[in-house]
C-alpha cells in the first residue's frame, strides 16, 4: 500500500516528547481522526493532538521525552493511502491531477498539468506546454470547464493572449 506524505516534523516541544509538525494539509481532522501515522517508516499511535493554522502538535506513543522528540526533527510524516478521506464531487487530490492532459475548448492540446500552486486567492494550475514553456491558469469556473481524472483530461477556456 502506498504511503501519502502529509507533513514534516519541524521541532520538539516541551519536555514530554511532543513534536511540532508542519502540515501539508489544511485539515486538522487529519491528525485528530487518525489513530496512527508513520514517521518515515516507523508507525506511531497519536496519543494527543493540537492544531493551530497549519502546525500540528502531536504526542506520539513511545516518544516520551525531549531527546526522543528531537531525534525525529526533519522527519517526514505519512499516512496509508487507504486513510485518505473520500472527497466530494468536484474535489480532487493534487497527486491525481498532476500529469493530466490540458485541452482548450477548441480541442487543442495545450500541455500537461505540472503543479497546483495554492498560495494565492485561488489555486493556480501550472501547465507545461510541449515547448517547455509554463503558463498559469486560475482554478475558477470561468477558465476550468471540466476535469476528468479517469480519462486524465482537463478542459479549459483560455483568455486571449495567455499563450
N, C-alpha and C. Protein backbone atom coordinates (compact mmCIF):
# COMPACT_ATOMS: atom_id res chain seq x y z
N UNK A 1 0.84 -1.18 0.00
CA UNK A 1 0.00 0.00 0.00
C UNK A 1 0.89 1.24 0.00
N UNK A 2 0.49 2.24 -0.76
CA UNK A 2 1.26 3.46 -0.87
C UNK A 2 1.07 4.34 0.36
N UNK A 3 2.15 5.00 0.76
CA UNK A 3 2.07 5.96 1.86
C UNK A 3 2.00 7.36 1.25
N UNK A 4 1.20 8.23 1.88
CA UNK A 4 0.99 9.59 1.41
C UNK A 4 1.61 10.54 2.43
N UNK A 5 2.50 11.42 1.96
CA UNK A 5 3.15 12.37 2.84
C UNK A 5 2.17 13.48 3.21
N UNK A 6 2.03 13.72 4.52
CA UNK A 6 1.08 14.74 4.98
C UNK A 6 1.73 15.84 5.80
N UNK A 7 3.03 15.73 6.09
CA UNK A 7 3.69 16.76 6.87
C UNK A 7 5.13 16.44 7.16
N UNK A 8 5.75 17.33 7.95
CA UNK A 8 7.16 17.18 8.32
C UNK A 8 7.33 17.67 9.76
N UNK A 9 8.06 16.90 10.55
CA UNK A 9 8.36 17.32 11.93
C UNK A 9 9.40 18.42 11.88
N UNK A 10 9.07 19.56 12.51
CA UNK A 10 9.99 20.70 12.44
C UNK A 10 10.75 20.95 13.74
N UNK A 11 10.19 20.48 14.87
CA UNK A 11 10.92 20.63 16.12
C UNK A 11 10.24 19.90 17.26
N UNK A 12 10.99 19.76 18.35
CA UNK A 12 10.44 19.20 19.59
C UNK A 12 9.75 20.31 20.37
N UNK A 13 8.77 19.92 21.19
CA UNK A 13 8.03 20.88 22.01
C UNK A 13 8.06 20.40 23.46
N UNK A 14 8.51 21.24 24.37
CA UNK A 14 8.48 20.90 25.79
C UNK A 14 9.38 19.73 26.14
N UNK A 15 9.08 19.12 27.30
CA UNK A 15 9.95 18.05 27.81
C UNK A 15 9.27 16.68 27.81
N UNK A 16 8.01 16.62 27.36
CA UNK A 16 7.26 15.35 27.44
C UNK A 16 7.21 14.59 26.12
N UNK A 17 8.01 15.01 25.13
CA UNK A 17 8.10 14.25 23.90
C UNK A 17 7.17 14.68 22.78
N UNK A 18 6.57 15.85 22.88
CA UNK A 18 5.71 16.32 21.80
C UNK A 18 6.56 16.88 20.65
N UNK A 19 5.97 16.80 19.44
CA UNK A 19 6.65 17.33 18.25
C UNK A 19 5.71 18.28 17.52
N UNK A 20 6.30 19.29 16.88
CA UNK A 20 5.53 20.19 16.00
C UNK A 20 5.69 19.68 14.59
N UNK A 21 4.56 19.62 13.89
CA UNK A 21 4.53 19.11 12.52
C UNK A 21 4.00 20.20 11.61
N UNK A 22 4.78 20.55 10.58
CA UNK A 22 4.26 21.43 9.54
C UNK A 22 3.38 20.56 8.66
N UNK A 23 2.09 20.87 8.61
CA UNK A 23 1.12 20.04 7.90
C UNK A 23 0.99 20.50 6.45
N UNK A 24 0.99 19.55 5.53
CA UNK A 24 0.77 19.85 4.12
C UNK A 24 -0.70 19.88 3.79
N UNK A 25 -1.54 19.74 4.79
CA UNK A 25 -2.98 19.73 4.61
C UNK A 25 -3.58 20.84 5.47
N UNK A 26 -4.69 21.38 5.04
CA UNK A 26 -5.37 22.38 5.86
C UNK A 26 -6.42 21.73 6.75
N UNK A 27 -6.38 20.42 6.85
CA UNK A 27 -7.38 19.68 7.61
C UNK A 27 -6.80 19.20 8.93
N UNK A 28 -7.21 19.83 10.02
CA UNK A 28 -6.73 19.37 11.32
C UNK A 28 -7.32 18.03 11.69
N UNK A 29 -8.46 17.70 11.08
CA UNK A 29 -9.06 16.40 11.34
C UNK A 29 -8.12 15.27 10.93
N UNK A 30 -7.25 15.55 9.98
CA UNK A 30 -6.30 14.54 9.52
C UNK A 30 -5.51 13.98 10.70
N UNK A 31 -5.20 14.80 11.69
CA UNK A 31 -4.43 14.35 12.85
C UNK A 31 -5.32 13.94 14.00
N UNK A 32 -6.50 14.55 14.11
CA UNK A 32 -7.40 14.22 15.20
C UNK A 32 -8.09 12.88 14.97
N UNK A 33 -8.43 12.57 13.73
CA UNK A 33 -9.16 11.34 13.43
C UNK A 33 -8.24 10.13 13.28
N UNK A 34 -6.99 10.36 12.94
CA UNK A 34 -6.08 9.25 12.70
C UNK A 34 -5.59 8.68 14.01
N UNK A 35 -5.59 7.37 14.08
CA UNK A 35 -5.09 6.73 15.28
C UNK A 35 -3.60 6.50 15.18
N UNK A 36 -3.10 6.49 13.93
CA UNK A 36 -1.67 6.29 13.76
C UNK A 36 -1.16 7.03 12.53
N UNK A 37 0.15 7.28 12.53
CA UNK A 37 0.85 7.86 11.40
C UNK A 37 2.19 7.15 11.29
N UNK A 38 2.88 7.41 10.22
CA UNK A 38 4.24 6.91 10.06
C UNK A 38 5.19 8.09 10.10
N UNK A 39 6.25 7.96 10.88
CA UNK A 39 7.35 8.91 10.85
C UNK A 39 8.44 8.17 10.10
N UNK A 40 8.66 8.65 8.85
CA UNK A 40 9.48 7.89 7.89
C UNK A 40 8.84 6.51 7.75
N UNK A 41 9.47 5.44 8.20
CA UNK A 41 8.90 4.10 8.04
C UNK A 41 8.44 3.48 9.35
N UNK A 42 8.43 4.26 10.44
CA UNK A 42 8.05 3.73 11.75
C UNK A 42 6.63 4.19 12.08
N UNK A 43 5.79 3.22 12.45
CA UNK A 43 4.39 3.51 12.76
C UNK A 43 4.26 3.94 14.22
N UNK A 44 3.53 5.06 14.45
CA UNK A 44 3.28 5.57 15.79
C UNK A 44 1.79 5.79 15.99
N UNK A 45 1.32 5.58 17.21
CA UNK A 45 -0.04 5.93 17.58
C UNK A 45 -0.04 7.38 18.04
N UNK A 46 -1.04 8.15 17.61
CA UNK A 46 -1.19 9.54 18.07
C UNK A 46 -1.95 9.51 19.38
N UNK A 47 -1.29 9.90 20.46
CA UNK A 47 -1.94 9.93 21.77
C UNK A 47 -2.72 11.22 21.98
N UNK A 48 -2.18 12.35 21.50
CA UNK A 48 -2.81 13.67 21.64
C UNK A 48 -2.45 14.51 20.44
N UNK A 49 -3.34 15.45 20.09
CA UNK A 49 -3.01 16.40 19.03
C UNK A 49 -3.66 17.75 19.31
N UNK A 50 -2.93 18.79 18.93
CA UNK A 50 -3.44 20.17 18.94
C UNK A 50 -3.10 20.75 17.58
N UNK A 51 -3.89 21.72 17.17
CA UNK A 51 -3.66 22.27 15.83
C UNK A 51 -3.83 23.78 15.87
N UNK A 52 -2.92 24.49 15.21
CA UNK A 52 -3.01 25.93 15.08
C UNK A 52 -2.50 26.31 13.70
N UNK A 53 -3.38 26.89 12.89
CA UNK A 53 -3.08 27.20 11.49
C UNK A 53 -2.64 25.93 10.80
N UNK A 54 -1.46 25.87 10.23
CA UNK A 54 -1.03 24.65 9.55
C UNK A 54 0.05 23.91 10.35
N UNK A 55 0.04 24.10 11.66
CA UNK A 55 1.00 23.42 12.54
C UNK A 55 0.24 22.52 13.51
N UNK A 56 0.61 21.24 13.50
CA UNK A 56 0.04 20.28 14.44
C UNK A 56 1.07 19.99 15.52
N UNK A 57 0.63 19.92 16.76
CA UNK A 57 1.49 19.48 17.85
C UNK A 57 0.98 18.11 18.25
N UNK A 58 1.88 17.11 18.15
CA UNK A 58 1.47 15.73 18.37
C UNK A 58 2.26 15.10 19.51
N UNK A 59 1.58 14.26 20.27
CA UNK A 59 2.23 13.38 21.25
C UNK A 59 2.10 11.99 20.67
N UNK A 60 3.26 11.39 20.35
CA UNK A 60 3.29 10.06 19.73
C UNK A 60 3.67 9.01 20.76
N UNK A 61 3.10 7.83 20.62
CA UNK A 61 3.40 6.73 21.55
C UNK A 61 4.88 6.40 21.49
N UNK A 62 5.46 6.20 22.67
CA UNK A 62 6.86 5.81 22.74
C UNK A 62 7.84 6.97 22.66
N UNK A 63 7.36 8.14 22.36
CA UNK A 63 8.21 9.34 22.34
C UNK A 63 7.85 10.11 23.61
N UNK A 64 8.65 9.89 24.66
CA UNK A 64 8.26 10.36 25.99
C UNK A 64 9.15 11.43 26.60
N UNK A 65 10.17 11.87 25.86
CA UNK A 65 11.00 12.96 26.39
C UNK A 65 11.51 13.80 25.23
N UNK A 66 12.09 14.92 25.58
CA UNK A 66 12.56 15.87 24.57
C UNK A 66 13.62 15.26 23.65
N UNK A 67 14.52 14.46 24.21
CA UNK A 67 15.57 13.87 23.38
C UNK A 67 14.98 12.98 22.28
N UNK A 68 14.00 12.16 22.63
CA UNK A 68 13.37 11.29 21.64
C UNK A 68 12.64 12.14 20.58
N UNK A 69 11.99 13.22 21.02
CA UNK A 69 11.29 14.11 20.09
C UNK A 69 12.28 14.81 19.16
N UNK A 70 13.38 15.29 19.71
CA UNK A 70 14.39 15.98 18.89
C UNK A 70 15.00 15.04 17.86
N UNK A 71 15.08 13.77 18.15
CA UNK A 71 15.63 12.80 17.20
C UNK A 71 14.75 12.66 15.96
N UNK A 72 13.49 13.07 16.06
CA UNK A 72 12.56 12.98 14.93
C UNK A 72 12.54 14.24 14.06
N UNK A 73 13.26 15.28 14.47
CA UNK A 73 13.26 16.55 13.73
C UNK A 73 13.66 16.30 12.27
N UNK A 74 12.98 16.99 11.37
CA UNK A 74 13.18 16.91 9.92
C UNK A 74 12.69 15.60 9.30
N UNK A 75 11.96 14.79 10.06
CA UNK A 75 11.39 13.55 9.53
C UNK A 75 10.05 13.83 8.85
N UNK A 76 9.78 13.10 7.78
CA UNK A 76 8.51 13.23 7.08
C UNK A 76 7.44 12.38 7.75
N UNK A 77 6.19 12.86 7.68
CA UNK A 77 5.03 12.19 8.27
C UNK A 77 4.17 11.65 7.12
N UNK A 78 3.71 10.40 7.27
CA UNK A 78 2.92 9.75 6.24
C UNK A 78 1.67 9.09 6.84
N UNK A 79 0.69 8.87 5.98
CA UNK A 79 -0.46 8.02 6.31
C UNK A 79 -0.59 6.99 5.19
N UNK A 80 -1.34 5.93 5.46
CA UNK A 80 -1.64 4.96 4.42
C UNK A 80 -2.61 5.57 3.42
N UNK A 81 -2.46 5.22 2.17
CA UNK A 81 -3.35 5.71 1.12
C UNK A 81 -4.81 5.42 1.48
N UNK A 82 -5.07 4.29 2.11
CA UNK A 82 -6.44 3.91 2.48
C UNK A 82 -7.04 4.85 3.54
N UNK A 83 -6.19 5.64 4.22
CA UNK A 83 -6.67 6.57 5.23
C UNK A 83 -7.08 7.93 4.66
N UNK A 84 -6.88 8.13 3.35
CA UNK A 84 -7.30 9.39 2.74
C UNK A 84 -8.81 9.50 2.79
N UNK A 85 -9.34 10.67 3.15
CA UNK A 85 -10.80 10.82 3.18
C UNK A 85 -11.39 10.81 1.78
N UNK A 86 -12.64 10.38 1.69
CA UNK A 86 -13.36 10.41 0.42
C UNK A 86 -13.72 11.86 0.13
N UNK A 87 -13.47 12.29 -1.11
CA UNK A 87 -13.74 13.68 -1.49
C UNK A 87 -15.14 13.83 -2.07
N UNK A 88 -15.66 15.03 -1.99
CA UNK A 88 -16.96 15.35 -2.59
C UNK A 88 -16.79 15.47 -4.10
N UNK A 89 -17.92 15.45 -4.82
CA UNK A 89 -17.87 15.66 -6.26
C UNK A 89 -17.20 17.00 -6.55
N UNK A 90 -16.34 17.02 -7.56
CA UNK A 90 -15.65 18.25 -7.94
C UNK A 90 -14.40 18.53 -7.14
N UNK A 91 -14.06 17.67 -6.18
CA UNK A 91 -12.82 17.80 -5.42
C UNK A 91 -11.87 16.70 -5.85
N UNK A 92 -10.57 17.05 -5.92
CA UNK A 92 -9.58 16.09 -6.39
C UNK A 92 -8.32 16.21 -5.56
N UNK A 93 -7.63 15.11 -5.42
CA UNK A 93 -6.31 15.17 -4.81
C UNK A 93 -5.32 15.66 -5.86
N UNK A 94 -4.45 16.57 -5.46
CA UNK A 94 -3.46 17.13 -6.37
C UNK A 94 -2.64 16.01 -7.00
N UNK A 95 -2.27 15.03 -6.21
CA UNK A 95 -1.45 13.94 -6.74
C UNK A 95 -2.12 13.20 -7.89
N UNK A 96 -3.46 13.20 -7.91
CA UNK A 96 -4.19 12.56 -9.00
C UNK A 96 -4.29 13.46 -10.24
N UNK A 97 -4.13 14.77 -10.03
CA UNK A 97 -4.26 15.72 -11.13
C UNK A 97 -2.95 15.92 -11.89
N UNK A 98 -1.83 15.83 -11.20
CA UNK A 98 -0.54 16.08 -11.84
C UNK A 98 -0.36 15.12 -13.01
N UNK A 99 -0.02 15.68 -14.16
CA UNK A 99 0.24 14.88 -15.35
C UNK A 99 -0.94 14.75 -16.30
N UNK A 100 -2.13 15.23 -15.89
CA UNK A 100 -3.26 15.10 -16.81
C UNK A 100 -3.08 16.06 -17.99
N UNK A 101 -3.67 15.69 -19.11
CA UNK A 101 -3.59 16.48 -20.34
C UNK A 101 -4.55 17.66 -20.23
N UNK A 102 -4.07 18.84 -20.62
CA UNK A 102 -4.90 20.05 -20.60
C UNK A 102 -5.24 20.39 -22.05
N UNK A 103 -6.56 20.49 -22.33
CA UNK A 103 -7.07 20.72 -23.67
C UNK A 103 -7.94 21.97 -23.65
N UNK A 104 -7.80 22.83 -24.70
CA UNK A 104 -8.65 24.03 -24.73
C UNK A 104 -10.04 23.71 -25.27
N UNK A 105 -10.91 24.70 -25.25
CA UNK A 105 -12.31 24.50 -25.64
C UNK A 105 -12.49 24.24 -27.14
N UNK A 106 -11.41 24.34 -27.90
CA UNK A 106 -11.45 24.02 -29.33
C UNK A 106 -10.89 22.63 -29.61
N UNK A 107 -10.47 21.91 -28.55
CA UNK A 107 -9.95 20.56 -28.71
C UNK A 107 -8.45 20.48 -28.91
N UNK A 108 -7.73 21.61 -28.80
CA UNK A 108 -6.28 21.63 -28.98
C UNK A 108 -5.58 21.28 -27.67
N UNK A 109 -4.61 20.39 -27.74
CA UNK A 109 -3.83 20.05 -26.54
C UNK A 109 -2.89 21.20 -26.22
N UNK A 110 -2.96 21.68 -24.98
CA UNK A 110 -2.11 22.78 -24.53
C UNK A 110 -0.85 22.23 -23.88
N UNK A 111 -0.98 21.19 -23.09
CA UNK A 111 0.16 20.60 -22.39
C UNK A 111 -0.32 19.69 -21.28
N UNK A 112 0.52 19.57 -20.25
CA UNK A 112 0.20 18.71 -19.11
C UNK A 112 0.24 19.54 -17.83
N UNK A 113 -0.67 19.22 -16.90
CA UNK A 113 -0.68 19.88 -15.60
C UNK A 113 0.57 19.46 -14.84
N UNK A 114 1.42 20.43 -14.48
CA UNK A 114 2.69 20.10 -13.82
C UNK A 114 2.70 20.45 -12.34
N UNK A 115 1.79 21.34 -11.91
CA UNK A 115 1.78 21.73 -10.50
C UNK A 115 0.46 22.43 -10.19
N UNK A 116 0.12 22.45 -8.91
CA UNK A 116 -1.01 23.24 -8.42
C UNK A 116 -0.45 24.15 -7.35
N UNK A 117 -0.54 25.46 -7.58
CA UNK A 117 0.00 26.45 -6.65
C UNK A 117 -1.13 26.94 -5.77
N UNK A 118 -0.93 26.81 -4.44
CA UNK A 118 -2.02 27.08 -3.51
C UNK A 118 -1.77 28.26 -2.58
N UNK A 119 -0.95 29.20 -2.95
CA UNK A 119 -0.65 30.30 -2.03
C UNK A 119 -1.24 31.62 -2.48
N UNK A 120 -2.32 31.60 -3.21
CA UNK A 120 -2.96 32.82 -3.67
C UNK A 120 -4.45 32.79 -3.33
N UNK A 121 -5.18 33.79 -3.80
CA UNK A 121 -6.62 33.87 -3.51
C UNK A 121 -7.35 32.62 -3.98
N UNK A 122 -6.94 32.09 -5.12
CA UNK A 122 -7.47 30.81 -5.59
C UNK A 122 -6.28 30.00 -6.10
N UNK A 123 -6.49 28.69 -6.21
CA UNK A 123 -5.43 27.84 -6.73
C UNK A 123 -5.10 28.27 -8.16
N UNK A 124 -3.85 28.02 -8.53
CA UNK A 124 -3.40 28.24 -9.91
C UNK A 124 -2.90 26.92 -10.45
N UNK A 125 -3.34 26.57 -11.65
CA UNK A 125 -2.87 25.35 -12.30
C UNK A 125 -1.71 25.72 -13.21
N UNK A 126 -0.55 25.11 -12.95
CA UNK A 126 0.61 25.33 -13.79
C UNK A 126 0.60 24.27 -14.88
N UNK A 127 0.62 24.73 -16.12
CA UNK A 127 0.58 23.83 -17.28
C UNK A 127 1.89 23.96 -18.03
N UNK A 128 2.56 22.83 -18.22
CA UNK A 128 3.78 22.81 -19.01
C UNK A 128 3.41 22.44 -20.44
N UNK A 129 3.71 23.38 -21.34
CA UNK A 129 3.39 23.16 -22.75
C UNK A 129 4.47 22.30 -23.39
N UNK A 130 4.20 21.82 -24.60
CA UNK A 130 5.13 20.92 -25.28
C UNK A 130 6.49 21.56 -25.52
N UNK A 131 6.54 22.89 -25.68
CA UNK A 131 7.83 23.57 -25.90
C UNK A 131 8.58 23.85 -24.60
N UNK A 132 8.03 23.40 -23.47
CA UNK A 132 8.68 23.59 -22.17
C UNK A 132 8.23 24.86 -21.45
N UNK A 133 7.57 25.76 -22.14
CA UNK A 133 7.05 26.98 -21.53
C UNK A 133 5.95 26.62 -20.55
N UNK A 134 5.84 27.38 -19.46
CA UNK A 134 4.80 27.13 -18.46
C UNK A 134 3.85 28.31 -18.39
N UNK A 135 2.58 27.99 -18.25
CA UNK A 135 1.56 29.02 -18.06
C UNK A 135 0.77 28.71 -16.81
N UNK A 136 0.15 29.73 -16.24
CA UNK A 136 -0.70 29.57 -15.05
C UNK A 136 -2.14 29.87 -15.43
N UNK A 137 -3.03 28.97 -15.01
CA UNK A 137 -4.46 29.14 -15.27
C UNK A 137 -5.17 29.15 -13.92
N UNK A 138 -5.92 30.24 -13.61
CA UNK A 138 -6.67 30.27 -12.35
C UNK A 138 -7.66 29.12 -12.27
N UNK A 139 -7.74 28.50 -11.11
CA UNK A 139 -8.63 27.35 -10.91
C UNK A 139 -10.03 27.84 -10.53
N UNK A 140 -10.66 28.51 -11.48
CA UNK A 140 -12.02 29.02 -11.28
C UNK A 140 -12.89 28.57 -12.44
N UNK A 141 -14.20 28.52 -12.22
CA UNK A 141 -15.14 28.01 -13.21
C UNK A 141 -15.06 28.74 -14.55
N UNK A 142 -14.70 30.00 -14.54
CA UNK A 142 -14.60 30.78 -15.77
C UNK A 142 -13.58 30.17 -16.74
N UNK A 143 -12.52 29.57 -16.20
CA UNK A 143 -11.45 29.03 -17.03
C UNK A 143 -11.43 27.50 -17.07
N UNK A 144 -11.84 26.85 -16.00
CA UNK A 144 -11.80 25.39 -15.93
C UNK A 144 -13.19 24.86 -16.27
N UNK A 145 -13.30 24.28 -17.46
CA UNK A 145 -14.60 23.80 -17.93
C UNK A 145 -14.94 22.43 -17.35
N UNK A 146 -13.93 21.54 -17.28
CA UNK A 146 -14.16 20.22 -16.70
C UNK A 146 -12.84 19.56 -16.37
N UNK A 147 -12.90 18.65 -15.41
CA UNK A 147 -11.76 17.83 -15.04
C UNK A 147 -12.27 16.40 -14.97
N UNK A 148 -11.60 15.52 -15.71
CA UNK A 148 -11.96 14.11 -15.70
C UNK A 148 -10.72 13.31 -15.32
N UNK A 149 -10.65 12.94 -14.06
CA UNK A 149 -9.49 12.22 -13.54
C UNK A 149 -9.37 10.85 -14.21
N UNK A 150 -10.51 10.20 -14.46
CA UNK A 150 -10.49 8.86 -15.08
C UNK A 150 -9.83 8.88 -16.45
N UNK A 151 -10.20 9.87 -17.28
CA UNK A 151 -9.62 9.95 -18.62
C UNK A 151 -8.37 10.82 -18.65
N UNK A 152 -7.99 11.33 -17.48
CA UNK A 152 -6.78 12.16 -17.32
C UNK A 152 -6.79 13.36 -18.27
N UNK A 153 -7.90 14.12 -18.22
CA UNK A 153 -8.02 15.29 -19.08
C UNK A 153 -8.72 16.44 -18.36
N UNK A 154 -8.20 17.64 -18.58
CA UNK A 154 -8.81 18.86 -18.09
C UNK A 154 -9.12 19.73 -19.31
N UNK A 155 -10.37 20.22 -19.39
CA UNK A 155 -10.77 21.11 -20.47
C UNK A 155 -10.83 22.53 -19.91
N UNK A 156 -10.20 23.46 -20.64
CA UNK A 156 -10.10 24.83 -20.16
C UNK A 156 -10.51 25.82 -21.25
N UNK A 157 -10.91 27.00 -20.82
CA UNK A 157 -11.17 28.12 -21.73
C UNK A 157 -10.10 29.16 -21.40
N UNK A 158 -9.27 29.44 -22.37
CA UNK A 158 -8.16 30.37 -22.14
C UNK A 158 -8.56 31.79 -22.52
N UNK A 159 -7.98 32.75 -21.82
CA UNK A 159 -8.19 34.13 -22.18
C UNK A 159 -7.22 34.50 -23.31
N UNK A 160 -7.63 35.41 -24.14
CA UNK A 160 -6.80 35.80 -25.27
C UNK A 160 -5.45 36.36 -24.79
N UNK A 161 -4.41 35.92 -25.45
CA UNK A 161 -3.06 36.39 -25.12
C UNK A 161 -2.34 35.58 -24.06
N UNK A 162 -2.99 34.59 -23.48
CA UNK A 162 -2.33 33.78 -22.45
C UNK A 162 -1.20 32.94 -23.01
N UNK A 163 -1.42 32.44 -24.20
CA UNK A 163 -0.38 31.60 -24.83
C UNK A 163 0.35 32.41 -25.88
